[in-house]
Amino acid sequence: MYKEELAIISQAVLNEMEGYEFYKLAGEQAKTQGNKEAFMHLANEELKHAEYLKKLWTKLSDGGEIRIEEILSSGIEIPSPEIYRWDKVDKAYATLAMSIYGIGMQMEKNSIDFYEEAKKKVSSESSKGLFDLLIKWENIHLDQFTNQYNLLREEWWAEQRFAPF
């Protein structure tokens, strides 16, 4: 019954695992404890997304249904904008961090686009509700990455004496 949703969720799990591996690698390469913690936290967020999606895939493949009330009470939590401790990111490694956040921004944008396209392929209101929730998830990350990227960019410009901007 949910053939299209299963295909979409399968790709979504892969997308989340790629994000997990990317942030995990960034954390392993981090030069400071603060940066390591920030990137490992991001990796763990992606892993939580993947685990939720895997459970949903299993439920649907076993003949279960998507019900909007279950989605809303499923344990998916939209992280607050303050979930990450950006103050722990060492500004001495701004160029590396900017690169990682820049790639992260693109990954989040790609995920949002993916779920927007997914909504067009399904007819069930519950499925559309699921994808709307996942879009909100990714938008929170995108906003956080964009804000942090912009802060680091301003500091980097100042260090390079590119001011006044």
C-alpha atoms as a PDB file:
ATOM      1  CA  MET A   1       0.000   0.000   0.000  1.00  0.00           C
ATOM      2  CA  TYR A   2       2.823   2.427   0.808  1.00  0.00           C
ATOM      3  CA  LYS A   3       5.183   1.466  -2.018  1.00  0.00           C
ATOM      4  CA  GLU A   4       6.096   5.071  -2.864  1.00  0.00           C
ATOM      5  CA  GLU A   5       6.541   5.986   0.803  1.00  0.00           C
ATOM      6  CA  LEU A   6       8.821   2.970   1.363  1.00  0.00           C
ATOM      7  CA  ALA A   7      11.027   4.019  -1.558  1.00  0.00           C
ATOM      8  CA  ILE A   8      11.193   7.584  -0.260  1.00  0.00           C
ATOM      9  CA  ILE A   9      11.945   6.474   3.293  1.00  0.00           C
ATOM     10  CA  SER A  10      14.672   4.114   2.050  1.00  0.00           C
ATOM     11  CA  GLN A  11      16.431   7.017   0.334  1.00  0.00           C
ATOM     12  CA  ALA A  12      15.837   9.250   3.350  1.00  0.00           C
ATOM     13  CA  VAL A  13      17.587   6.718   5.613  1.00  0.00           C
ATOM     14  CA  LEU A  14      20.568   6.715   3.260  1.00  0.00           C
ATOM     15  CA  ASN A  15      20.610  10.537   3.241  1.00  0.00           C
ATOM     16  CA  GLU A  16      20.613  10.623   7.051  1.00  0.00           C
ATOM     17  CA  MET A  17      23.388   8.016   7.256  1.00  0.00           C
ATOM     18  CA  GLU A  18      25.507  10.046   4.842  1.00  0.00           C
ATOM     19  CA  GLY A  19      24.978  13.064   7.090  1.00  0.00           C
ATOM     20  CA  TYR A  20      25.897  10.994  10.129  1.00  0.00           C
ATOM     21  CA  GLU A  21      29.129   9.800   8.534  1.00  0.00           C
ATOM     22  CA  PHE A  22      30.019  13.319   7.376  1.00  0.00           C
ATOM     23  CA  TYR A  23      29.563  14.914  10.818  1.00  0.00           C
ATOM     24  CA  LYS A  24      31.235  11.971  12.552  1.00  0.00           C
ATOM     25  CA  LEU A  25      34.259  12.405  10.299  1.00  0.00           C
ATOM     26  CA  ALA A  26      34.241  16.151  10.984  1.00  0.00           C
ATOM     27  CA  GLY A  27      34.172  15.418  14.722  1.00  0.00           C
ATOM     28  CA  GLU A  28      37.040  12.945  14.463  1.00  0.00           C
ATOM     29  CA  GLN A  29      39.103  15.518  12.540  1.00  0.00           C
ATOM     30  CA  ALA A  30      38.272  18.407  14.876  1.00  0.00           C
ATOM     31  CA  LYS A  31      41.260  20.043  16.529  1.00  0.00           C
ATOM     32  CA  THR A  32      39.488  21.110  19.724  1.00  0.00           C
ATOM     33  CA  GLN A  33      37.128  19.436  22.165  1.00  0.00           C
ATOM     34  CA  GLY A  34      34.420  22.064  21.565  1.00  0.00           C
ATOM     35  CA  ASN A  35      34.418  21.498  17.826  1.00  0.00           C
ATOM     36  CA  LYS A  36      34.496  17.731  18.335  1.00  0.00           C
ATOM     37  CA  GLU A  37      31.465  17.894  20.642  1.00  0.00           C
ATOM     38  CA  ALA A  38      29.504  20.142  18.266  1.00  0.00           C
ATOM     39  CA  PHE A  39      30.084  17.891  15.259  1.00  0.00           C
ATOM     40  CA  MET A  40      29.465  14.674  17.174  1.00  0.00           C
ATOM     41  CA  HIS A  41      26.187  16.132  18.418  1.00  0.00           C
ATOM     42  CA  LEU A  42      25.207  16.816  14.808  1.00  0.00           C
ATOM     43  CA  ALA A  43      26.197  13.258  13.866  1.00  0.00           C
ATOM     44  CA  ASN A  44      24.016  11.861  16.635  1.00  0.00           C
ATOM     45  CA  GLU A  45      21.063  13.983  15.481  1.00  0.00           C
ATOM     46  CA  GLU A  46      21.376  12.475  12.005  1.00  0.00           C
ATOM     47  CA  LEU A  47      21.575   9.003  13.519  1.00  0.00           C
ATOM     48  CA  LYS A  48      18.361   9.620  15.497  1.00  0.00           C
ATOM     49  CA  HIS A  49      16.636  10.667  12.282  1.00  0.00           C
ATOM     50  CA  ALA A  50      17.831   7.510  10.527  1.00  0.00           C
ATOM     51  CA  GLU A  51      16.701   5.265  13.390  1.00  0.00           C
ATOM     52  CA  TYR A  52      13.238   6.813  13.413  1.00  0.00           C
ATOM     53  CA  LEU A  53      12.938   6.390   9.646  1.00  0.00           C
ATOM     54  CA  LYS A  54      14.099   2.761   9.826  1.00  0.00           C
ATOM     55  CA  LYS A  55      11.384   2.003  12.408  1.00  0.00           C
ATOM     56  CA  LEU A  56       8.807   3.697  10.225  1.00  0.00           C
ATOM     57  CA  TRP A  57       9.991   1.710   7.184  1.00  0.00           C
ATOM     58  CA  THR A  58       9.676  -1.565   9.126  1.00  0.00           C
ATOM     59  CA  LYS A  59       6.186  -0.679  10.290  1.00  0.00           C
ATOM     60  CA  LEU A  60       5.019   0.185   6.773  1.00  0.00           C
ATOM     61  CA  SER A  61       6.656  -2.829   5.176  1.00  0.00           C
ATOM     62  CA  ASP A  62       4.859  -5.064   7.701  1.00  0.00           C
ATOM     63  CA  GLY A  63       1.513  -3.658   6.560  1.00  0.00           C
ATOM     64  CA  GLY A  64       1.183  -0.932   9.159  1.00  0.00           C
ATOM     65  CA  GLU A  65      -0.288   2.448   8.367  1.00  0.00           C
ATOM     66  CA  ILE A  66       0.842   6.017   8.696  1.00  0.00           C
ATOM     67  CA  ARG A  67      -1.493   7.835  11.046  1.00  0.00           C
ATOM     68  CA  ILE A  68      -0.959  11.513  11.672  1.00  0.00           C
ATOM     69  CA  GLU A  69      -1.649  11.182  15.404  1.00  0.00           C
ATOM     70  CA  GLU A  70       1.053   8.502  15.632  1.00  0.00           C
ATOM     71  CA  ILE A  71       3.497  10.710  13.759  1.00  0.00           C
ATOM     72  CA  LEU A  72       2.885  13.561  16.168  1.00  0.00           C
ATOM     73  CA  SER A  73       3.354  11.285  19.183  1.00  0.00           C
ATOM     74  CA  SER A  74       6.119   9.186  17.654  1.00  0.00           C
ATOM     75  CA  GLY A  75       9.067  10.639  19.476  1.00  0.00           C
ATOM     76  CA  ILE A  76      10.188  12.849  16.616  1.00  0.00           C
ATOM     77  CA  GLU A  77      11.181  16.013  18.328  1.00  0.00           C
ATOM     78  CA  ILE A  78      11.900  19.203  16.490  1.00  0.00           C
ATOM     79  CA  PRO A  79      15.091  20.396  18.185  1.00  0.00           C
ATOM     80  CA  SER A  80      15.018  23.820  19.747  1.00  0.00           C
ATOM     81  CA  PRO A  81      17.183  26.443  18.084  1.00  0.00           C
ATOM     82  CA  GLU A  82      19.434  26.313  21.156  1.00  0.00           C
ATOM     83  CA  ILE A  83      20.190  22.582  20.967  1.00  0.00           C
ATOM     84  CA  TYR A  84      23.780  23.100  19.844  1.00  0.00           C
ATOM     85  CA  ARG A  85      26.427  24.740  21.993  1.00  0.00           C
ATOM     86  CA  TRP A  86      27.897  27.006  19.329  1.00  0.00           C
ATOM     87  CA  ASP A  87      29.872  28.831  21.989  1.00  0.00           C
ATOM     88  CA  LYS A  88      32.077  25.733  22.221  1.00  0.00           C
ATOM     89  CA  VAL A  89      33.169  25.991  18.584  1.00  0.00           C
ATOM     90  CA  ASP A  90      36.761  27.234  18.528  1.00  0.00           C
ATOM     91  CA  LYS A  91      36.972  30.301  16.318  1.00  0.00           C
ATOM     92  CA  ALA A  92      40.650  29.560  15.607  1.00  0.00           C
ATOM     93  CA  TYR A  93      39.474  26.903  13.184  1.00  0.00           C
ATOM     94  CA  ALA A  94      36.869  29.111  11.526  1.00  0.00           C
ATOM     95  CA  THR A  95      37.836  28.188   7.960  1.00  0.00           C
ATOM     96  CA  LEU A  96      37.412  24.463   8.588  1.00  0.00           C
ATOM     97  CA  ALA A  97      34.194  24.986  10.533  1.00  0.00           C
ATOM     98  CA  MET A  98      32.816  27.261   7.807  1.00  0.00           C
ATOM     99  CA  SER A  99      33.526  24.576   5.225  1.00  0.00           C
ATOM    100  CA  ILE A 100      31.765  21.946   7.302  1.00  0.00           C
ATOM    101  CA  TYR A 101      28.759  24.163   8.009  1.00  0.00           C
ATOM    102  CA  GLY A 102      28.631  25.208   4.353  1.00  0.00           C
ATOM    103  CA  ILE A 103      28.457  21.572   3.280  1.00  0.00           C
ATOM    104  CA  GLY A 104      25.966  20.901   6.067  1.00  0.00           C
ATOM    105  CA  MET A 105      23.764  23.749   4.813  1.00  0.00           C
ATOM    106  CA  GLN A 106      23.739  22.221   1.353  1.00  0.00           C
ATOM    107  CA  MET A 107      22.925  18.775   2.760  1.00  0.00           C
ATOM    108  CA  GLU A 108      19.989  20.218   4.717  1.00  0.00           C
ATOM    109  CA  LYS A 109      18.731  22.115   1.661  1.00  0.00           C
ATOM    110  CA  ASN A 110      18.933  18.895  -0.344  1.00  0.00           C
ATOM    111  CA  SER A 111      16.950  17.054   2.342  1.00  0.00           C
ATOM    112  CA  ILE A 112      14.267  19.756   2.360  1.00  0.00           C
ATOM    113  CA  ASP A 113      14.017  19.582  -1.434  1.00  0.00           C
ATOM    114  CA  PHE A 114      13.867  15.772  -1.230  1.00  0.00           C
ATOM    115  CA  TYR A 115      10.932  15.840   1.209  1.00  0.00           C
ATOM    116  CA  GLU A 116       9.163  18.575  -0.776  1.00  0.00           C
ATOM    117  CA  GLU A 117       9.361  16.361  -3.870  1.00  0.00           C
ATOM    118  CA  ALA A 118       8.266  13.356  -1.815  1.00  0.00           C
ATOM    119  CA  LYS A 119       5.092  15.188  -0.788  1.00  0.00           C
ATOM    120  CA  LYS A 120       4.198  15.576  -4.471  1.00  0.00           C
ATOM    121  CA  LYS A 121       4.444  11.825  -5.036  1.00  0.00           C
ATOM    122  CA  VAL A 122       2.034  10.701  -2.328  1.00  0.00           C
ATOM    123  CA  SER A 123      -1.704  11.144  -1.965  1.00  0.00           C
ATOM    124  CA  SER A 124      -2.214  10.244   1.674  1.00  0.00           C
ATOM    125  CA  GLU A 125      -2.628  13.215   4.016  1.00  0.00           C
ATOM    126  CA  SER A 126      -0.805  11.244   6.707  1.00  0.00           C
ATOM    127  CA  SER A 127       2.187  10.749   4.414  1.00  0.00           C
ATOM    128  CA  LYS A 128       2.172  14.442   3.543  1.00  0.00           C
ATOM    129  CA  GLY A 129       2.026  15.236   7.264  1.00  0.00           C
ATOM    130  CA  LEU A 130       5.029  13.015   7.865  1.00  0.00           C
ATOM    131  CA  PHE A 131       7.024  14.787   5.174  1.00  0.00           C
ATOM    132  CA  ASP A 132       5.978  18.195   6.536  1.00  0.00           C
ATOM    133  CA  LEU A 133       7.317  17.172   9.938  1.00  0.00           C
ATOM    134  CA  LEU A 134      10.586  15.968   8.424  1.00  0.00           C
ATOM    135  CA  ILE A 135      10.894  19.254   6.501  1.00  0.00           C
ATOM    136  CA  LYS A 136      10.553  21.146   9.796  1.00  0.00           C
ATOM    137  CA  TRP A 137      13.299  18.931  11.253  1.00  0.00           C
ATOM    138  CA  GLU A 138      15.663  19.788   8.427  1.00  0.00           C
ATOM    139  CA  ASN A 139      14.745  23.492   8.435  1.00  0.00           C
ATOM    140  CA  ILE A 140      15.783  23.812  12.085  1.00  0.00           C
ATOM    141  CA  HIS A 141      19.204  22.396  11.230  1.00  0.00           C
ATOM    142  CA  LEU A 142      19.486  24.608   8.146  1.00  0.00           C
ATOM    143  CA  ASP A 143      18.686  27.727  10.168  1.00  0.00           C
ATOM    144  CA  GLN A 144      21.207  26.781  12.848  1.00  0.00           C
ATOM    145  CA  PHE A 145      23.955  26.056  10.317  1.00  0.00           C
ATOM    146  CA  THR A 146      23.248  29.251   8.409  1.00  0.00           C
ATOM    147  CA  ASN A 147      23.406  31.371  11.568  1.00  0.00           C
ATOM    148  CA  GLN A 148      26.648  29.756  12.707  1.00  0.00           C
ATOM    149  CA  TYR A 149      28.167  29.997   9.218  1.00  0.00           C
ATOM    150  CA  ASN A 150      27.326  33.702   9.058  1.00  0.00           C
ATOM    151  CA  LEU A 151      28.892  34.349  12.473  1.00  0.00           C
ATOM    152  CA  LEU A 152      32.063  32.504  11.534  1.00  0.00           C
ATOM    153  CA  ARG A 153      32.185  34.267   8.158  1.00  0.00           C
ATOM    154  CA  GLU A 154      32.033  37.681   9.843  1.00  0.00           C
ATOM    155  CA  GLU A 155      34.880  36.704  12.174  1.00  0.00           C
ATOM    156  CA  TRP A 156      36.896  35.302   9.301  1.00  0.00           C
ATOM    157  CA  TRP A 157      36.400  38.470   7.244  1.00  0.00           C
ATOM    158  CA  ALA A 158      37.521  40.563  10.217  1.00  0.00           C
ATOM    159  CA  GLU A 159      40.640  38.408  10.691  1.00  0.00           C
ATOM    160  CA  GLN A 160      41.445  38.796   6.990  1.00  0.00           C
ATOM    161  CA  ARG A 161      40.923  42.546   7.349  1.00  0.00           C
ATOM    162  CA  PHE A 162      38.137  42.497   4.800  1.00  0.00           C
ATOM    163  CA  ALA A 163      36.156  44.937   6.967  1.00  0.00           C
ATOM    164  CA  PRO A 164      34.242  47.211   6.881  1.00  0.00           C
ATOM    165  CA  PHE A 165      31.331  44.915   6.097  1.00  0.00           C
END
